Amino acid sequence: MADQPEEVRRLLEAIEALEAIEDDAEAARAATAVLEEWPAHHARLRELRQRRVLALKASGKTWQEIATEALGGVHPTRAQQIAQGKRGTKRPKKDEEN
């Protein structure tokens, strides 16, 4: 966790703090509250990543450079898909996206 950006560390620390709640009911309520909010934030993160990938491409970076340097070693084709707003195949699409 030490080599990650501060914002990532803080997010992971917040999850650890939820895990550390001793009262089971309180921990469950807190986790539920986060999960209820998560879909909107997940979409925001995908959009943020897409905007930044597009900005990198517009600045002259190659798909290979973006894939390696900015996205942690994904395939260049995946970098292009992110720029196009395409979701990965790991998760099924939401009903309204089908």
Protein backbone atom coordinates (compact mmCIF):
# COMPACT_ATOMS: atom_id res chain seq x y z
CA MET A 1 0.00 0.00 0.00
CA ALA A 2 3.01 2.30 0.49
CA ASP A 3 3.65 2.85 -3.23
CA GLN A 4 0.07 3.88 -3.99
CA PRO A 5 -1.17 7.46 -4.29
CA GLU A 6 -2.36 9.03 -1.04
CA GLU A 7 -5.98 9.08 -2.25
CA VAL A 8 -5.93 5.33 -2.88
CA ARG A 9 -4.39 4.69 0.54
CA ARG A 10 -7.07 6.82 2.20
CA LEU A 11 -9.85 4.91 0.45
CA LEU A 12 -8.37 1.58 1.49
CA GLU A 13 -7.88 2.85 5.04
CA ALA A 14 -11.56 3.84 5.13
CA ILE A 15 -12.53 0.28 4.18
CA GLU A 16 -10.20 -1.06 6.89
CA ALA A 17 -11.89 1.30 9.37
CA LEU A 18 -15.26 -0.20 8.45
CA GLU A 19 -13.82 -3.66 9.06
CA ALA A 20 -12.54 -2.53 12.45
CA ILE A 21 -15.98 -1.55 13.75
CA GLU A 22 -16.54 -3.94 16.63
CA ASP A 23 -20.32 -3.84 16.78
CA ASP A 24 -21.65 -6.21 14.10
CA ALA A 25 -24.89 -4.28 13.53
CA GLU A 26 -23.06 -0.97 13.30
CA ALA A 27 -20.51 -2.44 10.89
CA ALA A 28 -23.26 -3.93 8.74
CA ARG A 29 -25.13 -0.58 8.66
CA ALA A 30 -21.97 1.28 7.70
CA ALA A 31 -21.11 -1.21 4.96
CA THR A 32 -24.67 -1.02 3.65
CA ALA A 33 -24.52 2.78 3.54
CA VAL A 34 -21.28 2.67 1.53
CA LEU A 35 -22.63 0.02 -0.85
CA GLU A 36 -25.78 2.06 -1.45
CA GLU A 37 -23.64 5.04 -2.50
CA TRP A 38 -21.04 3.05 -4.43
CA PRO A 39 -22.72 2.70 -7.88
CA ALA A 40 -22.74 6.46 -8.45
CA HIS A 41 -19.12 6.78 -7.34
CA HIS A 42 -18.05 3.82 -9.43
CA ALA A 43 -19.51 5.52 -12.50
CA ARG A 44 -17.72 8.77 -11.58
CA LEU A 45 -14.40 6.93 -11.32
CA ARG A 46 -14.88 5.28 -14.72
CA GLU A 47 -15.72 8.66 -16.26
CA LEU A 48 -12.73 10.32 -14.59
CA ARG A 49 -10.41 7.62 -15.91
CA GLN A 50 -11.88 7.93 -19.41
CA ARG A 51 -11.44 11.73 -19.44
CA ARG A 52 -7.84 11.45 -18.29
CA VAL A 53 -7.00 8.73 -20.82
CA LEU A 54 -8.47 10.90 -23.57
CA ALA A 55 -6.41 13.85 -22.33
CA LEU A 56 -3.25 11.74 -22.40
CA LYS A 57 -4.00 10.64 -25.95
CA ALA A 58 -4.69 14.24 -27.01
CA SER A 59 -1.33 15.26 -25.53
CA GLY A 60 0.43 12.88 -27.93
CA LYS A 61 0.86 9.75 -25.83
CA THR A 62 0.59 6.42 -27.64
CA TRP A 63 -1.87 3.75 -26.56
CA GLN A 64 1.13 1.67 -25.44
CA GLU A 65 2.42 4.50 -23.25
CA ILE A 66 -1.01 5.12 -21.76
CA ALA A 67 -1.55 1.41 -21.12
CA THR A 68 1.83 0.98 -19.46
CA GLU A 69 2.40 4.28 -17.65
CA ALA A 70 -1.07 5.46 -16.68
CA LEU A 71 -3.10 2.27 -16.46
CA GLY A 72 -0.60 -0.03 -14.82
CA GLY A 73 0.23 -2.34 -17.67
CA VAL A 74 -3.09 -3.15 -19.29
CA HIS A 75 -3.08 -4.08 -22.96
CA PRO A 76 -3.08 -1.08 -25.34
CA THR A 77 -6.39 -2.31 -26.77
CA ARG A 78 -7.89 -2.02 -23.28
CA ALA A 79 -6.59 1.56 -23.04
CA GLN A 80 -8.47 2.35 -26.27
CA GLN A 81 -11.61 0.69 -24.91
CA ILE A 82 -11.40 2.80 -21.76
CA ALA A 83 -11.12 5.92 -23.92
CA GLN A 84 -14.27 4.82 -25.75
CA GLY A 85 -16.12 4.27 -22.46
CA LYS A 86 -16.36 0.52 -22.90
CA ARG A 87 -16.68 -1.53 -19.76
CA GLY A 88 -14.63 -4.61 -19.04
CA THR A 89 -16.12 -8.04 -19.49
CA LYS A 90 -15.64 -9.07 -15.86
CA ARG A 91 -18.99 -7.64 -14.77
CA PRO A 92 -22.37 -8.17 -16.36
CA LYS A 93 -23.99 -5.01 -17.69
CA LYS A 94 -26.76 -3.38 -15.70
CA ASP A 95 -30.29 -4.12 -16.92
CA GLU A 96 -30.70 -0.63 -18.40
CA GLU A 97 -27.51 -1.11 -20.46
CA ASN A 98 -28.65 -4.35 -22.13
